[in-house]
Amino acid sequence: MTMTKDMAALNDWYVVGISADVRPAAPRCTRLLGQDILVTRKDDGTVAVTLEGGDEDGRAARAEEHYGFIWTTFGAPNRGIFPLAEAFEPDRRVVTCGTVDVGASGLRLVENFLDMAHFPFVHTDILGALDKPEVEQYQAEIRADVDEVWATNCRFWQPLAAAASKGGQMSHYVYRVVTPFNVLLYKTCPEAPDRFDVIALFSQPVEADRSIAYPLMVVVDSISTDEDIVMFQQKIFLQDRIILENQRPRTLPLDPRAEIPTRADLSSVAYRRWLKTKALRYGSYEYEEA
């Protein structure tokens, strides 16, 4: 496999490592968009990403650090890394929650993240309850001014909404897809009900049908340890991985006739329509390298 030629995929930003894990003596060898890369930290503390193998060997890619992660791009994005103001609020915890290898397209990961209907059945007695499976009416839209997909007025009953939860709550959700492979969730905070916690899922598309997931928690939580927060989020995502790796195809169909949506799938419908307008095919069922 070699680097994709899909320009919409090349001209975007991707997480390729957790900042704290990449030290001068501990480089990271990984893959992005079908291309081998080496992620290193120099003695002066800056990070570098270089391409490995073939005609690209030794070429440097842009590298930046944001929100506890190392980001890179192979192309020329038309904007920088998205803003996340909550990460700079002094009373918040910003916790990177490890990595999970997933045998599925990064687009599948984002779509699954948007799906509330699976909460009672996959995350039973945590994010949902079997006796309360209904997804209430919500709104989903493509916001052309910021080139993002938003789902608002989302509500769902959750028995254990967060690591700091002491009981069930009606959670209010706002979803924000900032790039095709990166999504944010603003969610009712158990400790401060007038504020939102932020949960992010950043996806590194290793290949068109294989990904590395990087969960991030930006939370108001004076109770839980970092380990508690990481373990809670890892438990949720490992439950999701079982579903993701059993979906066929492993890539995401963009043809609306391929999978029949329901009223609960408004965010998925908007997301797929947005991908088509961006002409992004890497990780989709329609993708085939020339």
Protein backbone atom coordinates (compact mmCIF):
# COMPACT_ATOMS: atom_id res chain seq x y z
CA MET A 1 0.00 0.00 0.00
CA THR A 2 1.14 3.55 -0.76
CA MET A 3 -0.03 7.02 0.14
CA THR A 4 -3.46 7.89 -1.21
CA LYS A 5 -3.88 10.31 -4.09
CA ASP A 6 -7.17 11.61 -2.67
CA MET A 7 -6.44 15.34 -2.39
CA ALA A 8 -9.37 15.99 -0.06
CA ALA A 9 -7.80 13.52 2.38
CA LEU A 10 -4.24 14.81 1.89
CA ASN A 11 -5.27 18.44 2.53
CA ASP A 12 -6.38 17.88 6.11
CA TRP A 13 -4.97 17.51 9.62
CA TYR A 14 -4.62 14.22 11.51
CA VAL A 15 -3.50 13.12 14.97
CA VAL A 16 -0.51 10.75 14.73
CA GLY A 17 0.50 10.43 18.38
CA ILE A 18 0.00 11.49 21.98
CA SER A 19 2.45 14.27 22.86
CA ALA A 20 3.50 12.78 26.20
CA ASP A 21 4.39 9.46 24.57
CA VAL A 22 6.80 10.88 21.99
CA ARG A 23 10.15 11.70 23.61
CA PRO A 24 13.63 12.22 22.12
CA ALA A 25 14.52 8.63 22.95
CA ALA A 26 11.11 7.22 21.99
CA PRO A 27 10.13 7.96 18.37
CA ARG A 28 6.84 6.63 17.03
CA CYS A 29 6.67 4.54 13.86
CA THR A 30 3.18 4.50 12.41
CA ARG A 31 1.15 4.92 9.21
CA LEU A 32 -1.18 7.57 7.88
CA LEU A 33 -3.26 7.40 4.69
CA GLY A 34 -1.31 4.33 3.59
CA GLN A 35 2.07 5.97 4.13
CA ASP A 36 4.73 4.94 6.69
CA ILE A 37 5.81 7.85 8.89
CA LEU A 38 8.21 8.49 11.77
CA VAL A 39 7.13 10.85 14.55
CA THR A 40 10.04 12.21 16.61
CA ARG A 41 10.76 14.80 19.26
CA LYS A 42 13.94 16.81 18.92
CA ASP A 43 16.20 17.74 21.80
CA ASP A 44 14.77 21.29 21.74
CA GLY A 45 11.28 19.87 22.42
CA THR A 46 9.80 20.39 18.97
CA VAL A 47 8.23 17.51 17.05
CA ALA A 48 8.84 16.34 13.50
CA VAL A 49 7.07 13.99 11.11
CA THR A 50 8.99 12.41 8.24
CA LEU A 51 7.79 10.07 5.52
CA GLU A 52 9.44 6.68 5.27
CA GLY A 53 10.05 4.46 2.23
CA GLY A 54 9.72 4.75 -1.53
CA ASP A 55 9.94 8.03 -3.38
CA GLU A 56 8.76 9.92 -0.28
CA ASP A 57 11.58 8.71 1.99
CA GLY A 58 12.89 11.44 4.27
CA ARG A 59 10.37 14.11 3.21
CA ALA A 60 9.23 16.23 6.14
CA ALA A 61 5.55 16.89 6.75
CA ARG A 62 4.13 19.75 8.80
CA ALA A 63 3.84 18.94 12.49
CA GLU A 64 2.07 20.78 15.33
CA GLU A 65 0.99 20.03 18.89
CA HIS A 66 -2.50 20.81 20.19
CA TYR A 67 -4.66 19.51 23.04
CA GLY A 68 -2.10 16.89 24.07
CA PHE A 69 -1.63 15.40 20.59
CA ILE A 70 0.75 15.61 17.63
CA TRP A 71 -0.93 16.59 14.36
CA THR A 72 0.34 16.41 10.80
CA THR A 73 -0.75 16.93 7.21
CA PHE A 74 0.66 15.75 3.90
CA GLY A 75 -0.99 18.54 1.92
CA ALA A 76 -1.99 22.18 2.20
CA PRO A 77 -5.01 22.59 4.48
CA ASN A 78 -7.02 25.76 3.96
CA ARG A 79 -7.16 26.36 7.73
CA GLY A 80 -5.36 25.46 10.93
CA ILE A 81 -6.38 23.12 13.74
CA PHE A 82 -9.93 23.81 14.93
CA PRO A 83 -10.41 25.90 18.11
CA LEU A 84 -11.37 24.22 21.37
CA ALA A 85 -11.70 27.03 23.90
CA GLU A 86 -12.68 24.72 26.76
CA ALA A 87 -9.21 23.15 26.75
CA PHE A 88 -7.81 26.44 28.10
CA GLU A 89 -10.28 26.95 30.96
CA PRO A 90 -8.27 26.72 34.22
CA ASP A 91 -10.69 24.47 36.12
CA ARG A 92 -10.90 21.81 33.43
CA ARG A 93 -9.07 18.50 33.18
CA VAL A 94 -7.61 17.76 29.74
CA VAL A 95 -7.04 14.02 29.68
CA THR A 96 -5.77 12.02 26.70
CA CYS A 97 -7.31 8.56 26.95
CA GLY A 98 -4.86 6.29 25.18
CA THR A 99 -5.34 4.69 21.78
CA VAL A 100 -7.48 1.94 20.31
CA ASP A 101 -6.67 0.12 17.04
CA VAL A 102 -9.84 -0.49 15.06
CA GLY A 103 -10.35 -2.60 11.95
CA ALA A 104 -12.69 -0.07 10.37
CA SER A 105 -12.57 3.16 8.39
CA GLY A 106 -12.06 6.36 10.35
CA LEU A 107 -15.28 7.59 8.77
CA ARG A 108 -17.10 4.65 10.37
CA LEU A 109 -15.65 5.71 13.75
CA VAL A 110 -17.00 9.25 13.41
CA GLU A 111 -20.43 8.05 12.28
CA ASN A 112 -20.64 5.62 15.21
CA PHE A 113 -19.71 8.46 17.57
CA LEU A 114 -22.68 10.45 16.22
CA ASP A 115 -25.14 7.59 16.78
CA MET A 116 -27.26 7.84 19.94
CA ALA A 117 -29.57 4.95 19.03
CA HIS A 118 -26.98 2.32 20.01
CA PHE A 119 -26.49 3.64 23.58
CA PRO A 120 -29.02 1.35 25.35
CA PHE A 121 -27.93 -1.77 23.47
CA VAL A 122 -24.13 -1.41 23.31
CA HIS A 123 -23.51 0.70 26.44
CA THR A 124 -26.28 -0.77 28.60
CA ASP A 125 -26.66 0.81 32.05
CA ILE A 126 -23.89 3.31 31.26
CA LEU A 127 -24.84 5.61 28.37
CA GLY A 128 -28.32 4.15 27.93
CA ALA A 129 -31.04 1.97 29.46
CA LEU A 130 -32.97 -0.79 27.72
CA ASP A 131 -36.29 0.56 29.01
CA LYS A 132 -35.55 4.05 27.59
CA PRO A 133 -34.32 3.48 24.02
CA GLU A 134 -36.02 6.39 22.28
CA VAL A 135 -33.95 9.01 20.45
CA GLU A 136 -35.83 12.28 20.83
CA GLN A 137 -36.17 14.62 17.87
CA TYR A 138 -33.10 16.73 17.25
CA GLN A 139 -31.61 18.92 14.50
CA ALA A 140 -28.63 18.25 12.25
CA GLU A 141 -27.11 20.59 9.69
CA ILE A 142 -24.07 21.38 7.60
CA ARG A 143 -22.80 24.82 8.67
CA ALA A 144 -21.26 26.20 5.50
CA ASP A 145 -19.76 29.26 7.23
CA VAL A 146 -17.42 27.06 9.32
CA ASP A 147 -17.49 23.94 7.09
CA GLU A 148 -18.61 21.66 9.92
CA VAL A 149 -21.51 19.33 10.69
CA TRP A 150 -23.52 20.12 13.84
CA ALA A 151 -26.27 18.20 15.64
CA THR A 152 -28.12 20.18 18.31
CA ASN A 153 -30.95 19.75 20.85
CA CYS A 154 -29.95 16.13 21.42
CA ARG A 155 -31.28 14.59 24.64
CA PHE A 156 -30.79 11.10 26.04
CA TRP A 157 -31.34 9.47 29.43
CA GLN A 158 -28.08 8.02 30.78
CA PRO A 159 -27.65 5.89 33.92
CA LEU A 160 -23.91 6.68 34.22
CA ALA A 161 -23.04 9.58 31.95
CA ALA A 162 -19.44 10.13 33.11
CA ALA A 163 -16.77 8.85 35.47
CA ALA A 164 -17.91 11.41 38.08
CA SER A 165 -21.62 10.55 37.82
CA LYS A 166 -23.45 9.61 41.03
CA GLY A 167 -26.69 8.64 39.33
CA GLY A 168 -28.72 8.89 36.15
CA GLN A 169 -29.28 12.11 34.24
CA MET A 170 -30.96 13.44 31.13
CA SER A 171 -27.90 14.42 29.12
CA HIS A 172 -28.00 17.24 26.60
CA TYR A 173 -25.68 16.73 23.65
CA VAL A 174 -24.26 18.91 20.91
CA TYR A 175 -22.20 17.16 18.23
CA ARG A 176 -19.63 18.99 16.13
CA VAL A 177 -17.79 17.27 13.27
CA VAL A 178 -14.81 19.54 12.67
CA THR A 179 -13.09 17.52 9.92
CA PRO A 180 -14.06 14.25 8.24
CA PHE A 181 -11.99 12.21 10.71
CA ASN A 182 -12.38 14.31 13.88
CA VAL A 183 -15.49 14.89 15.98
CA LEU A 184 -16.36 16.68 19.24
CA LEU A 185 -19.24 16.16 21.66
CA TYR A 186 -20.44 18.79 24.14
CA LYS A 187 -22.34 17.03 26.92
CA THR A 188 -24.07 17.94 30.20
CA CYS A 189 -21.48 17.95 33.00
CA PRO A 190 -22.58 15.99 36.11
CA GLU A 191 -20.53 18.22 38.42
CA ALA A 192 -21.56 21.52 36.80
CA PRO A 193 -24.96 21.05 35.09
CA ASP A 194 -24.86 24.58 33.64
CA ARG A 195 -21.71 23.69 31.64
CA PHE A 196 -20.73 21.16 29.01
CA ASP A 197 -17.99 18.59 29.26
CA VAL A 198 -16.23 18.02 25.93
CA ILE A 199 -15.43 14.57 24.58
CA ALA A 200 -13.41 14.28 21.38
CA LEU A 201 -12.61 11.40 19.10
CA PHE A 202 -9.66 11.90 16.77
CA SER A 203 -9.13 9.22 14.14
CA GLN A 204 -5.84 8.40 12.41
CA PRO A 205 -6.73 6.65 9.12
CA VAL A 206 -3.88 4.16 8.88
CA GLU A 207 -5.46 2.62 5.78
CA ALA A 208 -8.83 3.14 4.12
CA ASP A 209 -10.33 0.41 6.31
CA ARG A 210 -8.15 0.57 9.44
CA SER A 211 -7.76 3.31 12.03
CA ILE A 212 -6.28 4.34 15.35
CA ALA A 213 -8.72 6.12 17.67
CA TYR A 214 -7.59 8.78 20.15
CA PRO A 215 -10.25 9.75 22.72
CA LEU A 216 -9.86 13.05 24.60
CA MET A 217 -11.76 14.26 27.67
CA VAL A 218 -11.98 17.97 28.53
CA VAL A 219 -14.02 17.88 31.72
CA VAL A 220 -14.96 19.61 34.94
CA ASP A 221 -14.31 16.82 37.42
CA SER A 222 -12.82 17.32 40.88
CA ILE A 223 -13.57 13.75 41.97
CA SER A 224 -12.10 11.27 39.49
CA THR A 225 -8.45 10.45 39.02
CA ASP A 226 -6.94 10.62 35.54
CA GLU A 227 -6.94 6.82 35.57
CA ASP A 228 -10.67 6.77 36.37
CA ILE A 229 -11.38 9.07 33.43
CA VAL A 230 -9.21 7.05 31.05
CA MET A 231 -10.69 3.71 32.13
CA PHE A 232 -14.26 4.98 31.76
CA GLN A 233 -13.64 6.22 28.25
CA GLN A 234 -11.65 3.15 27.22
CA LYS A 235 -14.47 0.90 28.43
CA ILE A 236 -16.97 2.80 26.27
CA PHE A 237 -14.80 2.72 23.17
CA LEU A 238 -13.85 -0.94 23.48
CA GLN A 239 -17.58 -1.72 23.51
CA ASP A 240 -17.90 0.33 20.32
CA ARG A 241 -14.96 -1.46 18.69
CA ILE A 242 -16.84 -4.77 18.75
CA ILE A 243 -19.66 -3.20 16.73
CA LEU A 244 -17.37 -1.30 14.38
CA GLU A 245 -15.27 -4.32 13.45
CA ASN A 246 -18.38 -6.36 12.64
CA GLN A 247 -19.86 -3.80 10.25
CA ARG A 248 -19.67 -4.59 6.55
CA PRO A 249 -18.27 -3.02 4.58
CA ARG A 250 -15.55 -1.71 6.90
CA THR A 251 -15.50 1.47 4.85
CA LEU A 252 -18.43 3.91 4.87
CA PRO A 253 -21.02 3.79 2.06
CA LEU A 254 -21.86 7.30 0.86
CA ASP A 255 -24.71 6.31 -1.46
CA PRO A 256 -27.92 7.04 0.53
CA ARG A 257 -29.47 3.88 -0.93
CA ALA A 258 -26.77 1.63 0.55
CA GLU A 259 -28.02 1.75 4.15
CA ILE A 260 -31.57 2.82 5.03
CA PRO A 261 -31.58 5.68 7.59
CA THR A 262 -34.21 6.30 10.27
CA ARG A 263 -35.28 9.50 12.02
CA ALA A 264 -32.54 8.87 14.59
CA ASP A 265 -29.90 9.01 11.84
CA LEU A 266 -30.20 12.71 10.94
CA SER A 267 -26.61 13.44 11.95
CA SER A 268 -25.32 10.50 9.90
CA VAL A 269 -27.26 11.64 6.85
CA ALA A 270 -25.84 15.17 7.17
CA TYR A 271 -22.32 13.79 7.71
CA ARG A 272 -22.43 11.59 4.61
CA ARG A 273 -23.86 14.42 2.51
CA TRP A 274 -21.06 16.69 3.76
CA LEU A 275 -18.41 14.13 2.81
CA LYS A 276 -19.81 13.96 -0.70
CA THR A 277 -19.74 17.76 -1.07
CA LYS A 278 -16.09 17.73 0.00
CA ALA A 279 -15.32 15.07 -2.64
CA LEU A 280 -13.56 13.01 0.05
CA ARG A 281 -13.50 9.31 -0.82
CA TYR A 282 -10.67 7.86 1.31
CA GLY A 283 -12.28 5.51 3.83
CA SER A 284 -15.56 5.34 1.94
CA TYR A 285 -16.98 2.30 0.16
CA GLU A 286 -16.67 4.20 -3.11
CA TYR A 287 -12.92 4.67 -2.61
CA GLU A 288 -10.60 2.92 -5.03
CA GLU A 289 -7.07 4.11 -5.68
CA ALA A 290 -6.20 4.65 -9.33
